[in-house]
C-alpha atoms as a PDB file:
ATOM      1  CA  UNK A   1       1.182   8.785  -1.290  1.00  0.00           C
ATOM      2  CA  UNK A   2       2.986   6.418   0.858  1.00  0.00           C
ATOM      3  CA  UNK A   3       1.101   5.816   4.041  1.00  0.00           C
ATOM      4  CA  UNK A   4       2.050   3.838   6.755  1.00  0.00           C
ATOM      5  CA  UNK A   5      -0.282   1.746   8.457  1.00  0.00           C
ATOM      6  CA  UNK A   6       0.301   0.620  12.351  1.00  0.00           C
ATOM      7  CA  UNK A   7      -0.042  -3.285  11.578  1.00  0.00           C
ATOM      8  CA  UNK A   8      -0.134  -5.795   8.908  1.00  0.00           C
ATOM      9  CA  UNK A   9      -3.653  -6.415   7.125  1.00  0.00           C
ATOM     10  CA  UNK A  10      -3.001 -10.110   8.508  1.00  0.00           C
ATOM     11  CA  UNK A  11      -2.582  -8.897  11.961  1.00  0.00           C
ATOM     12  CA  UNK A  12      -5.629  -6.480  11.674  1.00  0.00           C
ATOM     13  CA  UNK A  13      -7.650  -9.344  10.688  1.00  0.00           C
ATOM     14  CA  UNK A  14      -6.908 -11.419  13.512  1.00  0.00           C
ATOM     15  CA  UNK A  15      -7.847  -8.945  15.921  1.00  0.00           C
ATOM     16  CA  UNK A  16     -11.209  -8.249  14.049  1.00  0.00           C
ATOM     17  CA  UNK A  17     -12.550 -11.851  14.028  1.00  0.00           C
ATOM     18  CA  UNK A  18     -15.909 -11.778  15.658  1.00  0.00           C
ATOM     19  CA  UNK A  19     -16.971  -7.909  15.772  1.00  0.00           C
ATOM     20  CA  UNK A  20     -19.049  -6.630  13.271  1.00  0.00           C
ATOM     21  CA  UNK A  21     -21.332  -3.149  13.607  1.00  0.00           C
ATOM     22  CA  UNK A  22     -24.656  -2.511  12.524  1.00  0.00           C
ATOM     23  CA  UNK A  23     -23.545  -2.385   9.437  1.00  0.00           C
ATOM     24  CA  UNK A  24     -22.423  -5.663   8.960  1.00  0.00           C
ATOM     25  CA  UNK A  25     -18.738  -4.371   8.782  1.00  0.00           C
ATOM     26  CA  UNK A  26     -16.091  -6.518  10.534  1.00  0.00           C
ATOM     27  CA  UNK A  27     -14.618  -3.374  12.703  1.00  0.00           C
ATOM     28  CA  UNK A  28     -11.322  -4.003  14.617  1.00  0.00           C
ATOM     29  CA  UNK A  29     -10.324  -2.558  18.024  1.00  0.00           C
ATOM     30  CA  UNK A  30      -7.414  -0.267  16.922  1.00  0.00           C
ATOM     31  CA  UNK A  31      -9.350   2.638  18.544  1.00  0.00           C
ATOM     32  CA  UNK A  32      -6.447   4.560  20.626  1.00  0.00           C
ATOM     33  CA  UNK A  33      -4.510   5.231  17.103  1.00  0.00           C
ATOM     34  CA  UNK A  34      -7.487   6.345  15.340  1.00  0.00           C
ATOM     35  CA  UNK A  35      -7.114   3.427  12.537  1.00  0.00           C
ATOM     36  CA  UNK A  36     -10.626   1.185  11.721  1.00  0.00           C
ATOM     37  CA  UNK A  37     -10.570  -1.543   9.672  1.00  0.00           C
ATOM     38  CA  UNK A  38     -13.365  -2.793   7.468  1.00  0.00           C
ATOM     39  CA  UNK A  39     -14.398  -6.246   6.555  1.00  0.00           C
ATOM     40  CA  UNK A  40     -16.266  -4.641   3.150  1.00  0.00           C
ATOM     41  CA  UNK A  41     -16.539  -8.363   1.821  1.00  0.00           C
ATOM     42  CA  UNK A  42     -14.311 -11.444   2.838  1.00  0.00           C
ATOM     43  CA  UNK A  43     -11.777 -10.754  -0.087  1.00  0.00           C
ATOM     44  CA  UNK A  44     -11.329  -6.671   0.689  1.00  0.00           C
ATOM     45  CA  UNK A  45     -10.027  -4.839   3.638  1.00  0.00           C
ATOM     46  CA  UNK A  46     -10.975  -0.902   4.075  1.00  0.00           C
ATOM     47  CA  UNK A  47      -8.476   1.268   6.236  1.00  0.00           C
ATOM     48  CA  UNK A  48     -10.319   4.517   8.033  1.00  0.00           C
ATOM     49  CA  UNK A  49      -8.780   7.190  10.113  1.00  0.00           C
ATOM     50  CA  UNK A  50     -10.823   8.937  12.422  1.00  0.00           C
ATOM     51  CA  UNK A  51     -10.423  12.685  12.776  1.00  0.00           C
ATOM     52  CA  UNK A  52     -11.714  14.808  15.559  1.00  0.00           C
ATOM     53  CA  UNK A  53     -13.260  18.076  14.665  1.00  0.00           C
ATOM     54  CA  UNK A  54     -14.707  19.600  17.699  1.00  0.00           C
ATOM     55  CA  UNK A  55     -17.331  17.107  19.194  1.00  0.00           C
ATOM     56  CA  UNK A  56     -17.778  15.543  16.025  1.00  0.00           C
ATOM     57  CA  UNK A  57     -15.806  12.189  15.449  1.00  0.00           C
ATOM     58  CA  UNK A  58     -15.556  12.341  11.127  1.00  0.00           C
ATOM     59  CA  UNK A  59     -13.912   8.943   9.159  1.00  0.00           C
ATOM     60  CA  UNK A  60     -11.523   9.616   6.739  1.00  0.00           C
ATOM     61  CA  UNK A  61     -11.628   6.434   3.899  1.00  0.00           C
ATOM     62  CA  UNK A  62      -7.613   5.805   3.753  1.00  0.00           C
ATOM     63  CA  UNK A  63      -7.740   2.882   1.627  1.00  0.00           C
ATOM     64  CA  UNK A  64      -9.262  -1.026   0.229  1.00  0.00           C
ATOM     65  CA  UNK A  65      -7.067  -3.542  -0.089  1.00  0.00           C
ATOM     66  CA  UNK A  66      -7.822  -7.167  -1.840  1.00  0.00           C
ATOM     67  CA  UNK A  67      -6.712  -9.598   0.661  1.00  0.00           C
ATOM     68  CA  UNK A  68      -4.315 -12.689  -0.416  1.00  0.00           C
ATOM     69  CA  UNK A  69      -6.119 -16.170  -1.361  1.00  0.00           C
ATOM     70  CA  UNK A  70      -5.086 -18.445   1.908  1.00  0.00           C
END
């Protein structure tokens, strides 16, 4: 299954700088489209898609990506 991401992971990581959620994961501001990027570790980013079901907001894990070494 091919998944089109709305932007590159490096752009998501740049947008992500400095914001952490309660679990200590970095969280992007790309919520308008429902896409979220979580930095699980310094080398891995997880992509999640938000889904609304009635009053409940669920997150579906789409994929995890290792980031290339800089």
